């Protein structure tokens, strides 16, 4: 019998805010598609999105402790992370690159199939799991339609957006998606990756995966700056955004510079009537992985101190990707800080 999401919150000890479930192939999605699309994909031999920010064989894509098929089945995620780590709640971010598809109807069909697959094969089978709604983000009207379809499903808690996009997410053409998120009390998850068709740097295409991998932090920073200066938090005061798998040690310097320049240029954006850093602390959260690991853990503690709040951070394993462990950091925190990062911040952010 399918399990319903477990809403018990009295004894939660860990919420993992970034787990990945991987679509093995287009054949996995065909049973969840209408007859027209099943026939179309079969006859055309369409194999689904080909772009990926997690290259097969790259050391960072799958940790060596997991099998090469990690995250493709519920049984694998239960064995690899939910059970051994005693995860009470795990939030799935499926990175199926529907945004790379140029035909909007195909993108919408794939998004619907992915979400149906998540609902039936993952959420209904394990009450510990929640998920992000995958949307055809290039066409806001289709994205809104997909959100509305799943908004009342108790297992979906947020909307998935790849950080690399055709347009910055704070721009006006994307406001209908943000409005729909607030309407249904869903968070927005802006996540590492994306296949927008544009270079991942402001000055052209990188030559190597490591350039894109390291440089993704600047894409996150661009999205944060845009969301603030476009005034989305004035327009949607209840909007909640999580920045997932983009790092966080760079955040204090970004907040300092934003605050500094806002003081001199605030006449240009009068709708931003408070320090940008205050808007970040109120509306945004950041997943713990990846954590840049300096030789001395005290430096990470200093970064948290510079954030002026540990509420900004939510624990994540980023399964099945490979990062240095955060155990040293977690073990260096106070009992209250550790509890906040492992469970309380996510509990409050998602209303679990």
C-alpha atoms as a PDB file:
ATOM      1  CA  UNK A   1       0.000   0.000   0.000  1.00  0.00           C
ATOM      2  CA  UNK A   2       1.261   3.454  -0.856  1.00  0.00           C
ATOM      3  CA  UNK A   3       2.531   5.498   2.073  1.00  0.00           C
ATOM      4  CA  UNK A   4       1.310   9.024   2.629  1.00  0.00           C
ATOM      5  CA  UNK A   5       3.788  11.773   3.541  1.00  0.00           C
ATOM      6  CA  UNK A   6       4.639  11.544   7.217  1.00  0.00           C
ATOM      7  CA  UNK A   7       3.659  14.810   8.861  1.00  0.00           C
ATOM      8  CA  UNK A   8       4.872  13.870  12.355  1.00  0.00           C
ATOM      9  CA  UNK A   9       7.347  16.531  13.431  1.00  0.00           C
ATOM     10  CA  UNK A  10       7.934  15.944  17.113  1.00  0.00           C
ATOM     11  CA  UNK A  11      11.050  13.784  16.871  1.00  0.00           C
ATOM     12  CA  UNK A  12      12.694  14.806  13.606  1.00  0.00           C
ATOM     13  CA  UNK A  13      16.490  14.654  13.748  1.00  0.00           C
ATOM     14  CA  UNK A  14      17.470  15.162  10.118  1.00  0.00           C
ATOM     15  CA  UNK A  15      15.952  16.790   7.048  1.00  0.00           C
ATOM     16  CA  UNK A  16      18.012  16.315   3.898  1.00  0.00           C
ATOM     17  CA  UNK A  17      17.178  19.281   1.674  1.00  0.00           C
ATOM     18  CA  UNK A  18      18.833  18.039  -1.506  1.00  0.00           C
ATOM     19  CA  UNK A  19      18.540  14.468  -2.749  1.00  0.00           C
ATOM     20  CA  UNK A  20      18.543  13.499  -6.408  1.00  0.00           C
ATOM     21  CA  UNK A  21      16.400  10.964  -8.201  1.00  0.00           C
ATOM     22  CA  UNK A  22      17.643  10.307 -11.713  1.00  0.00           C
ATOM     23  CA  UNK A  23      15.492   9.332 -14.700  1.00  0.00           C
ATOM     24  CA  UNK A  24      17.387   6.340 -16.170  1.00  0.00           C
ATOM     25  CA  UNK A  25      16.028   6.788 -19.714  1.00  0.00           C
ATOM     26  CA  UNK A  26      13.049   8.044 -21.683  1.00  0.00           C
ATOM     27  CA  UNK A  27      11.618   4.504 -21.454  1.00  0.00           C
ATOM     28  CA  UNK A  28      11.103   5.117 -17.744  1.00  0.00           C
ATOM     29  CA  UNK A  29       8.757   8.001 -18.532  1.00  0.00           C
ATOM     30  CA  UNK A  30       6.752   6.500 -21.397  1.00  0.00           C
ATOM     31  CA  UNK A  31       4.208   4.751 -19.116  1.00  0.00           C
ATOM     32  CA  UNK A  32       3.369   8.149 -17.618  1.00  0.00           C
ATOM     33  CA  UNK A  33       2.680   9.821 -20.972  1.00  0.00           C
ATOM     34  CA  UNK A  34      -0.417  10.158 -23.117  1.00  0.00           C
ATOM     35  CA  UNK A  35      -0.723   7.791 -26.090  1.00  0.00           C
ATOM     36  CA  UNK A  36       0.235  10.524 -28.558  1.00  0.00           C
ATOM     37  CA  UNK A  37       3.554  11.194 -26.846  1.00  0.00           C
ATOM     38  CA  UNK A  38       4.352   7.519 -26.309  1.00  0.00           C
ATOM     39  CA  UNK A  39       3.902   6.921 -30.032  1.00  0.00           C
ATOM     40  CA  UNK A  40       5.791  10.085 -30.965  1.00  0.00           C
ATOM     41  CA  UNK A  41       8.819   9.287 -28.807  1.00  0.00           C
ATOM     42  CA  UNK A  42       8.851   5.642 -29.877  1.00  0.00           C
ATOM     43  CA  UNK A  43       8.540   6.323 -33.604  1.00  0.00           C
ATOM     44  CA  UNK A  44      10.952   9.255 -33.629  1.00  0.00           C
ATOM     45  CA  UNK A  45      13.434   7.444 -31.384  1.00  0.00           C
ATOM     46  CA  UNK A  46      13.619  10.582 -29.281  1.00  0.00           C
ATOM     47  CA  UNK A  47      15.835   9.799 -26.306  1.00  0.00           C
ATOM     48  CA  UNK A  48      15.086  12.777 -24.092  1.00  0.00           C
ATOM     49  CA  UNK A  49      17.374  15.631 -23.075  1.00  0.00           C
ATOM     50  CA  UNK A  50      21.004  15.046 -23.991  1.00  0.00           C
ATOM     51  CA  UNK A  51      22.578  17.960 -22.114  1.00  0.00           C
ATOM     52  CA  UNK A  52      23.741  17.222 -18.599  1.00  0.00           C
ATOM     53  CA  UNK A  53      25.623  19.153 -15.949  1.00  0.00           C
ATOM     54  CA  UNK A  54      26.492  15.820 -14.320  1.00  0.00           C
ATOM     55  CA  UNK A  55      28.627  14.061 -16.954  1.00  0.00           C
ATOM     56  CA  UNK A  56      28.666  10.278 -16.779  1.00  0.00           C
ATOM     57  CA  UNK A  57      32.046   9.197 -15.472  1.00  0.00           C
ATOM     58  CA  UNK A  58      32.947  12.512 -13.847  1.00  0.00           C
ATOM     59  CA  UNK A  59      34.198  11.887 -10.323  1.00  0.00           C
ATOM     60  CA  UNK A  60      31.880  14.516  -8.873  1.00  0.00           C
ATOM     61  CA  UNK A  61      28.735  13.058 -10.467  1.00  0.00           C
ATOM     62  CA  UNK A  62      28.555   9.909  -8.315  1.00  0.00           C
ATOM     63  CA  UNK A  63      30.488   9.369  -5.091  1.00  0.00           C
ATOM     64  CA  UNK A  64      32.690   6.261  -5.196  1.00  0.00           C
ATOM     65  CA  UNK A  65      30.788   4.750  -2.271  1.00  0.00           C
ATOM     66  CA  UNK A  66      27.704   4.456  -4.484  1.00  0.00           C
ATOM     67  CA  UNK A  67      27.088   2.296  -7.518  1.00  0.00           C
ATOM     68  CA  UNK A  68      27.011   3.813 -11.001  1.00  0.00           C
ATOM     69  CA  UNK A  69      23.231   3.348 -10.972  1.00  0.00           C
ATOM     70  CA  UNK A  70      22.813   5.265  -7.723  1.00  0.00           C
ATOM     71  CA  UNK A  71      19.676   7.427  -7.405  1.00  0.00           C
ATOM     72  CA  UNK A  72      17.865   5.768 -10.307  1.00  0.00           C
ATOM     73  CA  UNK A  73      15.605   3.664  -8.068  1.00  0.00           C
ATOM     74  CA  UNK A  74      13.808   4.162  -4.783  1.00  0.00           C
ATOM     75  CA  UNK A  75      15.544   1.083  -3.391  1.00  0.00           C
ATOM     76  CA  UNK A  76      18.953   2.612  -4.131  1.00  0.00           C
ATOM     77  CA  UNK A  77      18.198   5.888  -2.367  1.00  0.00           C
ATOM     78  CA  UNK A  78      16.762   4.018   0.608  1.00  0.00           C
ATOM     79  CA  UNK A  79      19.864   1.819   0.867  1.00  0.00           C
ATOM     80  CA  UNK A  80      22.413   4.545   0.187  1.00  0.00           C
ATOM     81  CA  UNK A  81      21.154   7.475   2.216  1.00  0.00           C
ATOM     82  CA  UNK A  82      17.681   7.353   3.796  1.00  0.00           C
ATOM     83  CA  UNK A  83      18.234   4.305   5.987  1.00  0.00           C
ATOM     84  CA  UNK A  84      21.940   4.544   6.921  1.00  0.00           C
ATOM     85  CA  UNK A  85      21.789   8.300   7.620  1.00  0.00           C
ATOM     86  CA  UNK A  86      18.453   7.975   9.437  1.00  0.00           C
ATOM     87  CA  UNK A  87      16.892  10.736   7.317  1.00  0.00           C
ATOM     88  CA  UNK A  88      13.438  11.681   8.594  1.00  0.00           C
ATOM     89  CA  UNK A  89      12.531  13.837   5.578  1.00  0.00           C
ATOM     90  CA  UNK A  90      14.333  13.919   2.242  1.00  0.00           C
ATOM     91  CA  UNK A  91      13.573  16.437  -0.507  1.00  0.00           C
ATOM     92  CA  UNK A  92      14.052  15.221  -4.072  1.00  0.00           C
ATOM     93  CA  UNK A  93      15.394  17.487  -6.790  1.00  0.00           C
ATOM     94  CA  UNK A  94      15.112  15.762 -10.155  1.00  0.00           C
ATOM     95  CA  UNK A  95      17.489  17.497 -12.571  1.00  0.00           C
ATOM     96  CA  UNK A  96      15.943  16.117 -15.776  1.00  0.00           C
ATOM     97  CA  UNK A  97      16.884  18.882 -18.223  1.00  0.00           C
ATOM     98  CA  UNK A  98      13.491  19.679 -19.776  1.00  0.00           C
ATOM     99  CA  UNK A  99      14.682  23.271 -20.198  1.00  0.00           C
ATOM    100  CA  UNK A 100      17.091  22.063 -22.907  1.00  0.00           C
ATOM    101  CA  UNK A 101      14.211  20.981 -25.154  1.00  0.00           C
ATOM    102  CA  UNK A 102      13.330  23.575 -27.785  1.00  0.00           C
ATOM    103  CA  UNK A 103       9.835  22.263 -28.544  1.00  0.00           C
ATOM    104  CA  UNK A 104       7.671  23.635 -25.698  1.00  0.00           C
ATOM    105  CA  UNK A 105       5.029  20.897 -26.020  1.00  0.00           C
ATOM    106  CA  UNK A 106       7.652  18.168 -25.717  1.00  0.00           C
ATOM    107  CA  UNK A 107       9.170  19.955 -22.723  1.00  0.00           C
ATOM    108  CA  UNK A 108       5.741  20.155 -21.075  1.00  0.00           C
ATOM    109  CA  UNK A 109       5.027  16.474 -21.793  1.00  0.00           C
ATOM    110  CA  UNK A 110       8.348  15.418 -20.306  1.00  0.00           C
ATOM    111  CA  UNK A 111       7.828  17.589 -17.226  1.00  0.00           C
ATOM    112  CA  UNK A 112       4.369  16.085 -16.642  1.00  0.00           C
ATOM    113  CA  UNK A 113       5.759  12.540 -17.019  1.00  0.00           C
ATOM    114  CA  UNK A 114       8.648  13.233 -14.633  1.00  0.00           C
ATOM    115  CA  UNK A 115       6.280  14.593 -11.994  1.00  0.00           C
ATOM    116  CA  UNK A 116       3.879  11.668 -12.410  1.00  0.00           C
ATOM    117  CA  UNK A 117       6.831   9.284 -12.072  1.00  0.00           C
ATOM    118  CA  UNK A 118       7.937  11.088  -8.916  1.00  0.00           C
ATOM    119  CA  UNK A 119       4.450  11.012  -7.426  1.00  0.00           C
ATOM    120  CA  UNK A 120       3.768   7.332  -8.118  1.00  0.00           C
ATOM    121  CA  UNK A 121       7.202   5.733  -7.846  1.00  0.00           C
ATOM    122  CA  UNK A 122       8.766   7.815  -5.092  1.00  0.00           C
ATOM    123  CA  UNK A 123       6.360   9.875  -2.997  1.00  0.00           C
ATOM    124  CA  UNK A 124       3.622   7.281  -2.705  1.00  0.00           C
ATOM    125  CA  UNK A 125       6.105   4.520  -1.886  1.00  0.00           C
ATOM    126  CA  UNK A 126       8.094   6.199   0.899  1.00  0.00           C
ATOM    127  CA  UNK A 127       6.492   8.664   3.307  1.00  0.00           C
ATOM    128  CA  UNK A 128       9.871  10.185   4.154  1.00  0.00           C
ATOM    129  CA  UNK A 129      10.170  11.786   0.741  1.00  0.00           C
ATOM    130  CA  UNK A 130       9.060  15.149  -0.602  1.00  0.00           C
ATOM    131  CA  UNK A 131       9.783  16.440  -4.102  1.00  0.00           C
ATOM    132  CA  UNK A 132      10.207  19.461  -6.343  1.00  0.00           C
ATOM    133  CA  UNK A 133       7.871  20.096  -9.272  1.00  0.00           C
ATOM    134  CA  UNK A 134       9.770  19.963 -12.572  1.00  0.00           C
ATOM    135  CA  UNK A 135       8.465  22.601 -14.969  1.00  0.00           C
ATOM    136  CA  UNK A 136       9.008  23.666 -18.612  1.00  0.00           C
ATOM    137  CA  UNK A 137      10.635  26.856 -17.371  1.00  0.00           C
ATOM    138  CA  UNK A 138      11.289  28.440 -20.777  1.00  0.00           C
ATOM    139  CA  UNK A 139       7.556  29.087 -21.232  1.00  0.00           C
ATOM    140  CA  UNK A 140       6.091  30.627 -18.059  1.00  0.00           C
ATOM    141  CA  UNK A 141       2.462  29.959 -19.068  1.00  0.00           C
ATOM    142  CA  UNK A 142       3.186  26.229 -19.454  1.00  0.00           C
ATOM    143  CA  UNK A 143       5.186  26.283 -16.227  1.00  0.00           C
ATOM    144  CA  UNK A 144       2.219  27.770 -14.356  1.00  0.00           C
ATOM    145  CA  UNK A 145      -0.062  25.096 -15.794  1.00  0.00           C
ATOM    146  CA  UNK A 146       2.239  22.341 -14.515  1.00  0.00           C
ATOM    147  CA  UNK A 147       2.491  23.901 -11.070  1.00  0.00           C
ATOM    148  CA  UNK A 148      -1.288  24.227 -10.806  1.00  0.00           C
ATOM    149  CA  UNK A 149      -1.657  20.544 -11.705  1.00  0.00           C
ATOM    150  CA  UNK A 150       0.474  19.397  -8.758  1.00  0.00           C
ATOM    151  CA  UNK A 151       0.026  22.209  -6.246  1.00  0.00           C
ATOM    152  CA  UNK A 152      -2.433  20.304  -4.044  1.00  0.00           C
ATOM    153  CA  UNK A 153      -0.343  17.137  -3.884  1.00  0.00           C
ATOM    154  CA  UNK A 154       1.031  16.960  -0.306  1.00  0.00           C
ATOM    155  CA  UNK A 155       4.328  15.469  -1.448  1.00  0.00           C
ATOM    156  CA  UNK A 156       5.431  18.428  -3.571  1.00  0.00           C
ATOM    157  CA  UNK A 157       6.906  21.238  -1.478  1.00  0.00           C
ATOM    158  CA  UNK A 158       8.707  23.394  -4.022  1.00  0.00           C
ATOM    159  CA  UNK A 159       9.285  24.223  -7.689  1.00  0.00           C
ATOM    160  CA  UNK A 160      12.549  23.204  -9.318  1.00  0.00           C
ATOM    161  CA  UNK A 161      14.451  25.771 -11.408  1.00  0.00           C
ATOM    162  CA  UNK A 162      17.949  25.239 -12.829  1.00  0.00           C
ATOM    163  CA  UNK A 163      20.236  28.155 -11.991  1.00  0.00           C
ATOM    164  CA  UNK A 164      21.330  28.482 -15.618  1.00  0.00           C
ATOM    165  CA  UNK A 165      18.352  29.952 -17.451  1.00  0.00           C
ATOM    166  CA  UNK A 166      17.425  31.873 -20.590  1.00  0.00           C
ATOM    167  CA  UNK A 167      16.313  34.824 -18.473  1.00  0.00           C
ATOM    168  CA  UNK A 168      17.093  35.798 -14.908  1.00  0.00           C
ATOM    169  CA  UNK A 169      14.262  34.625 -12.676  1.00  0.00           C
ATOM    170  CA  UNK A 170      13.516  38.038 -11.185  1.00  0.00           C
ATOM    171  CA  UNK A 171      12.569  39.567 -14.533  1.00  0.00           C
ATOM    172  CA  UNK A 172       8.925  40.472 -15.096  1.00  0.00           C
ATOM    173  CA  UNK A 173       8.164  37.763 -17.621  1.00  0.00           C
ATOM    174  CA  UNK A 174       8.784  35.156 -14.926  1.00  0.00           C
ATOM    175  CA  UNK A 175       6.609  36.769 -12.265  1.00  0.00           C
ATOM    176  CA  UNK A 176       3.577  34.546 -13.058  1.00  0.00           C
ATOM    177  CA  UNK A 177       5.614  31.539 -11.895  1.00  0.00           C
ATOM    178  CA  UNK A 178       6.659  33.308  -8.684  1.00  0.00           C
ATOM    179  CA  UNK A 179       3.066  34.431  -8.098  1.00  0.00           C
ATOM    180  CA  UNK A 180       1.807  30.868  -8.519  1.00  0.00           C
ATOM    181  CA  UNK A 181       4.393  29.585  -6.050  1.00  0.00           C
ATOM    182  CA  UNK A 182       3.236  32.054  -3.411  1.00  0.00           C
ATOM    183  CA  UNK A 183      -0.416  31.347  -4.179  1.00  0.00           C
ATOM    184  CA  UNK A 184       0.068  27.675  -3.352  1.00  0.00           C
ATOM    185  CA  UNK A 185       2.585  28.143  -0.524  1.00  0.00           C
ATOM    186  CA  UNK A 186       5.357  26.458  -2.507  1.00  0.00           C
ATOM    187  CA  UNK A 187       9.017  27.362  -2.242  1.00  0.00           C
ATOM    188  CA  UNK A 188      11.205  28.013  -5.271  1.00  0.00           C
ATOM    189  CA  UNK A 189      14.345  25.874  -5.501  1.00  0.00           C
ATOM    190  CA  UNK A 190      17.057  27.366  -7.725  1.00  0.00           C
ATOM    191  CA  UNK A 191      19.485  24.502  -8.229  1.00  0.00           C
ATOM    192  CA  UNK A 192      22.929  23.950  -9.684  1.00  0.00           C
ATOM    193  CA  UNK A 193      22.901  23.125 -13.393  1.00  0.00           C
ATOM    194  CA  UNK A 194      20.671  23.793 -16.328  1.00  0.00           C
ATOM    195  CA  UNK A 195      20.963  23.630 -20.098  1.00  0.00           C
ATOM    196  CA  UNK A 196      19.697  27.006 -21.248  1.00  0.00           C
ATOM    197  CA  UNK A 197      21.599  27.040 -24.534  1.00  0.00           C
ATOM    198  CA  UNK A 198      23.637  30.025 -23.359  1.00  0.00           C
ATOM    199  CA  UNK A 199      27.239  29.960 -22.085  1.00  0.00           C
ATOM    200  CA  UNK A 200      27.708  29.431 -18.369  1.00  0.00           C
ATOM    201  CA  UNK A 201      30.005  32.464 -18.154  1.00  0.00           C
ATOM    202  CA  UNK A 202      29.353  36.119 -19.102  1.00  0.00           C
ATOM    203  CA  UNK A 203      32.140  36.020 -21.710  1.00  0.00           C
ATOM    204  CA  UNK A 204      31.722  32.791 -23.656  1.00  0.00           C
ATOM    205  CA  UNK A 205      31.893  29.031 -23.401  1.00  0.00           C
ATOM    206  CA  UNK A 206      34.332  27.289 -21.060  1.00  0.00           C
ATOM    207  CA  UNK A 207      36.622  24.580 -22.424  1.00  0.00           C
ATOM    208  CA  UNK A 208      36.505  22.186 -19.488  1.00  0.00           C
ATOM    209  CA  UNK A 209      33.966  20.792 -17.061  1.00  0.00           C
ATOM    210  CA  UNK A 210      35.948  22.089 -14.087  1.00  0.00           C
ATOM    211  CA  UNK A 211      35.510  25.665 -15.346  1.00  0.00           C
ATOM    212  CA  UNK A 212      31.748  25.280 -15.455  1.00  0.00           C
ATOM    213  CA  UNK A 213      31.689  23.398 -12.153  1.00  0.00           C
ATOM    214  CA  UNK A 214      33.642  26.022 -10.214  1.00  0.00           C
ATOM    215  CA  UNK A 215      32.147  28.998 -12.039  1.00  0.00           C
ATOM    216  CA  UNK A 216      28.540  28.074 -11.290  1.00  0.00           C
ATOM    217  CA  UNK A 217      28.782  30.156  -8.100  1.00  0.00           C
ATOM    218  CA  UNK A 218      28.768  33.342 -10.171  1.00  0.00           C
ATOM    219  CA  UNK A 219      25.534  32.244 -11.850  1.00  0.00           C
ATOM    220  CA  UNK A 220      23.917  31.851  -8.422  1.00  0.00           C
ATOM    221  CA  UNK A 221      25.141  35.315  -7.478  1.00  0.00           C
ATOM    222  CA  UNK A 222      23.633  36.783 -10.652  1.00  0.00           C
ATOM    223  CA  UNK A 223      20.240  35.230  -9.850  1.00  0.00           C
ATOM    224  CA  UNK A 224      20.339  36.524  -6.265  1.00  0.00           C
ATOM    225  CA  UNK A 225      21.229  40.073  -7.327  1.00  0.00           C
ATOM    226  CA  UNK A 226      18.498  40.078  -9.965  1.00  0.00           C
ATOM    227  CA  UNK A 227      15.798  38.767  -7.628  1.00  0.00           C
ATOM    228  CA  UNK A 228      16.563  41.552  -5.191  1.00  0.00           C
ATOM    229  CA  UNK A 229      16.893  44.534  -7.522  1.00  0.00           C
ATOM    230  CA  UNK A 230      13.865  43.571  -9.643  1.00  0.00           C
ATOM    231  CA  UNK A 231      11.751  43.926  -6.511  1.00  0.00           C
ATOM    232  CA  UNK A 232      10.231  40.438  -6.359  1.00  0.00           C
ATOM    233  CA  UNK A 233      10.213  40.454  -2.557  1.00  0.00           C
ATOM    234  CA  UNK A 234       8.281  43.720  -2.511  1.00  0.00           C
ATOM    235  CA  UNK A 235       5.835  42.284  -5.052  1.00  0.00           C
ATOM    236  CA  UNK A 236       5.659  38.861  -3.350  1.00  0.00           C
ATOM    237  CA  UNK A 237       6.464  39.366   0.348  1.00  0.00           C
ATOM    238  CA  UNK A 238       5.803  35.684   1.150  1.00  0.00           C
ATOM    239  CA  UNK A 239       8.126  34.320  -1.538  1.00  0.00           C
ATOM    240  CA  UNK A 240      10.602  31.685  -0.290  1.00  0.00           C
ATOM    241  CA  UNK A 241      13.677  30.724  -2.295  1.00  0.00           C
ATOM    242  CA  UNK A 242      16.277  28.052  -1.628  1.00  0.00           C
ATOM    243  CA  UNK A 243      19.617  28.104  -3.416  1.00  0.00           C
ATOM    244  CA  UNK A 244      20.618  24.458  -3.720  1.00  0.00           C
ATOM    245  CA  UNK A 245      24.034  23.016  -4.500  1.00  0.00           C
ATOM    246  CA  UNK A 246      25.597  26.379  -5.230  1.00  0.00           C
ATOM    247  CA  UNK A 247      27.747  26.806  -2.166  1.00  0.00           C
ATOM    248  CA  UNK A 248      27.437  29.456   0.524  1.00  0.00           C
ATOM    249  CA  UNK A 249      30.890  30.505   1.712  1.00  0.00           C
ATOM    250  CA  UNK A 250      30.860  33.287  -0.912  1.00  0.00           C
ATOM    251  CA  UNK A 251      27.641  34.739   0.472  1.00  0.00           C
ATOM    252  CA  UNK A 252      28.986  37.206   3.097  1.00  0.00           C
ATOM    253  CA  UNK A 253      31.097  39.080   0.534  1.00  0.00           C
ATOM    254  CA  UNK A 254      28.147  39.260  -1.858  1.00  0.00           C
ATOM    255  CA  UNK A 255      25.870  40.642   0.862  1.00  0.00           C
ATOM    256  CA  UNK A 256      28.484  43.215   1.906  1.00  0.00           C
ATOM    257  CA  UNK A 257      28.950  44.472  -1.632  1.00  0.00           C
ATOM    258  CA  UNK A 258      25.226  44.535  -2.379  1.00  0.00           C
ATOM    259  CA  UNK A 259      24.585  46.563   0.768  1.00  0.00           C
ATOM    260  CA  UNK A 260      27.424  48.961  -0.040  1.00  0.00           C
ATOM    261  CA  UNK A 261      26.316  49.641  -3.609  1.00  0.00           C
ATOM    262  CA  UNK A 262      22.646  49.845  -2.605  1.00  0.00           C
ATOM    263  CA  UNK A 263      23.474  52.786  -0.346  1.00  0.00           C
ATOM    264  CA  UNK A 264      24.743  54.762  -3.323  1.00  0.00           C
ATOM    265  CA  UNK A 265      22.356  53.525  -6.012  1.00  0.00           C
ATOM    266  CA  UNK A 266      19.116  52.943  -4.130  1.00  0.00           C
ATOM    267  CA  UNK A 267      17.473  55.868  -5.978  1.00  0.00           C
ATOM    268  CA  UNK A 268      17.471  53.578  -9.030  1.00  0.00           C
ATOM    269  CA  UNK A 269      15.443  50.853  -7.298  1.00  0.00           C
ATOM    270  CA  UNK A 270      13.175  52.606  -4.760  1.00  0.00           C
ATOM    271  CA  UNK A 271      11.146  49.416  -4.255  1.00  0.00           C
ATOM    272  CA  UNK A 272      14.139  47.955  -2.404  1.00  0.00           C
ATOM    273  CA  UNK A 273      13.640  49.893   0.829  1.00  0.00           C
ATOM    274  CA  UNK A 274      15.831  47.795   3.109  1.00  0.00           C
ATOM    275  CA  UNK A 275      19.321  46.340   3.020  1.00  0.00           C
ATOM    276  CA  UNK A 276      19.654  43.555   0.410  1.00  0.00           C
ATOM    277  CA  UNK A 277      21.322  41.392   3.045  1.00  0.00           C
ATOM    278  CA  UNK A 278      18.151  41.608   5.145  1.00  0.00           C
ATOM    279  CA  UNK A 279      16.090  40.388   2.180  1.00  0.00           C
ATOM    280  CA  UNK A 280      18.450  37.463   1.687  1.00  0.00           C
ATOM    281  CA  UNK A 281      18.229  36.481   5.360  1.00  0.00           C
ATOM    282  CA  UNK A 282      14.425  36.737   5.328  1.00  0.00           C
ATOM    283  CA  UNK A 283      13.567  35.070   2.030  1.00  0.00           C
ATOM    284  CA  UNK A 284      16.449  32.744   1.079  1.00  0.00           C
ATOM    285  CA  UNK A 285      18.032  29.555   2.345  1.00  0.00           C
ATOM    286  CA  UNK A 286      21.148  27.712   1.164  1.00  0.00           C
ATOM    287  CA  UNK A 287      21.860  23.988   1.202  1.00  0.00           C
ATOM    288  CA  UNK A 288      25.008  22.911   3.012  1.00  0.00           C
ATOM    289  CA  UNK A 289      26.626  20.974   0.174  1.00  0.00           C
ATOM    290  CA  UNK A 290      28.904  21.808  -1.483  1.00  0.00           C
ATOM    291  CA  UNK A 291      30.890  23.307   1.382  1.00  0.00           C
ATOM    292  CA  UNK A 292      34.296  24.730   0.542  1.00  0.00           C
ATOM    293  CA  UNK A 293      36.623  23.041   2.994  1.00  0.00           C
ATOM    294  CA  UNK A 294      39.510  25.192   4.239  1.00  0.00           C
ATOM    295  CA  UNK A 295      42.234  23.455   6.271  1.00  0.00           C
ATOM    296  CA  UNK A 296      40.883  24.932   9.487  1.00  0.00           C
ATOM    297  CA  UNK A 297      37.186  24.393  10.308  1.00  0.00           C
ATOM    298  CA  UNK A 298      37.237  27.569  12.386  1.00  0.00           C
ATOM    299  CA  UNK A 299      37.242  29.498   9.108  1.00  0.00           C
ATOM    300  CA  UNK A 300      33.867  27.980   8.202  1.00  0.00           C
ATOM    301  CA  UNK A 301      32.557  28.936  11.618  1.00  0.00           C
ATOM    302  CA  UNK A 302      33.710  32.479  10.925  1.00  0.00           C
ATOM    303  CA  UNK A 303      31.737  32.483   7.667  1.00  0.00           C
ATOM    304  CA  UNK A 304      28.606  31.408   9.551  1.00  0.00           C
ATOM    305  CA  UNK A 305      29.261  34.200  12.026  1.00  0.00           C
ATOM    306  CA  UNK A 306      29.600  36.653   9.125  1.00  0.00           C
ATOM    307  CA  UNK A 307      26.205  35.516   7.824  1.00  0.00           C
ATOM    308  CA  UNK A 308      24.838  36.793  11.174  1.00  0.00           C
ATOM    309  CA  UNK A 309      22.451  33.854  11.265  1.00  0.00           C
ATOM    310  CA  UNK A 310      22.735  30.077  10.986  1.00  0.00           C
ATOM    311  CA  UNK A 311      19.093  30.082   9.825  1.00  0.00           C
ATOM    312  CA  UNK A 312      20.315  30.555   6.254  1.00  0.00           C
ATOM    313  CA  UNK A 313      21.754  27.027   6.063  1.00  0.00           C
ATOM    314  CA  UNK A 314      19.915  23.732   5.607  1.00  0.00           C
ATOM    315  CA  UNK A 315      21.584  20.340   5.745  1.00  0.00           C
ATOM    316  CA  UNK A 316      21.954  18.448   2.473  1.00  0.00           C
ATOM    317  CA  UNK A 317      23.856  15.376   1.368  1.00  0.00           C
ATOM    318  CA  UNK A 318      23.498  16.219  -2.356  1.00  0.00           C
ATOM    319  CA  UNK A 319      23.206  12.477  -2.968  1.00  0.00           C
ATOM    320  CA  UNK A 320      24.651  10.916  -5.107  1.00  0.00           C
ATOM    321  CA  UNK A 321      27.197  13.631  -5.913  1.00  0.00           C
ATOM    322  CA  UNK A 322      30.650  13.590  -4.387  1.00  0.00           C
ATOM    323  CA  UNK A 323      31.702  16.288  -1.930  1.00  0.00           C
ATOM    324  CA  UNK A 324      33.928  16.442   1.099  1.00  0.00           C
ATOM    325  CA  UNK A 325      32.080  15.485   4.254  1.00  0.00           C
ATOM    326  CA  UNK A 326      30.595  18.231   6.431  1.00  0.00           C
ATOM    327  CA  UNK A 327      31.046  16.168   9.595  1.00  0.00           C
ATOM    328  CA  UNK A 328      33.915  18.325  10.871  1.00  0.00           C
ATOM    329  CA  UNK A 329      31.810  21.442  10.497  1.00  0.00           C
ATOM    330  CA  UNK A 330      28.710  19.909  12.095  1.00  0.00           C
ATOM    331  CA  UNK A 331      30.724  18.542  15.006  1.00  0.00           C
ATOM    332  CA  UNK A 332      32.209  22.009  15.601  1.00  0.00           C
ATOM    333  CA  UNK A 333      28.833  23.696  15.954  1.00  0.00           C
ATOM    334  CA  UNK A 334      26.978  24.334  19.163  1.00  0.00           C
ATOM    335  CA  UNK A 335      24.118  21.980  19.958  1.00  0.00           C
ATOM    336  CA  UNK A 336      21.607  24.650  18.949  1.00  0.00           C
ATOM    337  CA  UNK A 337      23.398  25.495  15.703  1.00  0.00           C
ATOM    338  CA  UNK A 338      23.661  21.833  14.746  1.00  0.00           C
ATOM    339  CA  UNK A 339      19.975  21.241  15.451  1.00  0.00           C
ATOM    340  CA  UNK A 340      19.043  24.300  13.405  1.00  0.00           C
ATOM    341  CA  UNK A 341      21.060  23.232  10.370  1.00  0.00           C
ATOM    342  CA  UNK A 342      20.114  19.552  10.510  1.00  0.00           C
ATOM    343  CA  UNK A 343      16.393  20.010  10.957  1.00  0.00           C
ATOM    344  CA  UNK A 344      14.902  23.222  12.379  1.00  0.00           C
ATOM    345  CA  UNK A 345      15.756  25.599   9.544  1.00  0.00           C
ATOM    346  CA  UNK A 346      14.257  23.306   6.922  1.00  0.00           C
ATOM    347  CA  UNK A 347      11.269  22.532   9.142  1.00  0.00           C
ATOM    348  CA  UNK A 348      10.449  26.223   9.408  1.00  0.00           C
ATOM    349  CA  UNK A 349      11.238  27.014   5.766  1.00  0.00           C
ATOM    350  CA  UNK A 350       9.074  24.238   4.335  1.00  0.00           C
ATOM    351  CA  UNK A 351       6.450  24.298   7.074  1.00  0.00           C
ATOM    352  CA  UNK A 352       7.016  20.611   7.813  1.00  0.00           C
END
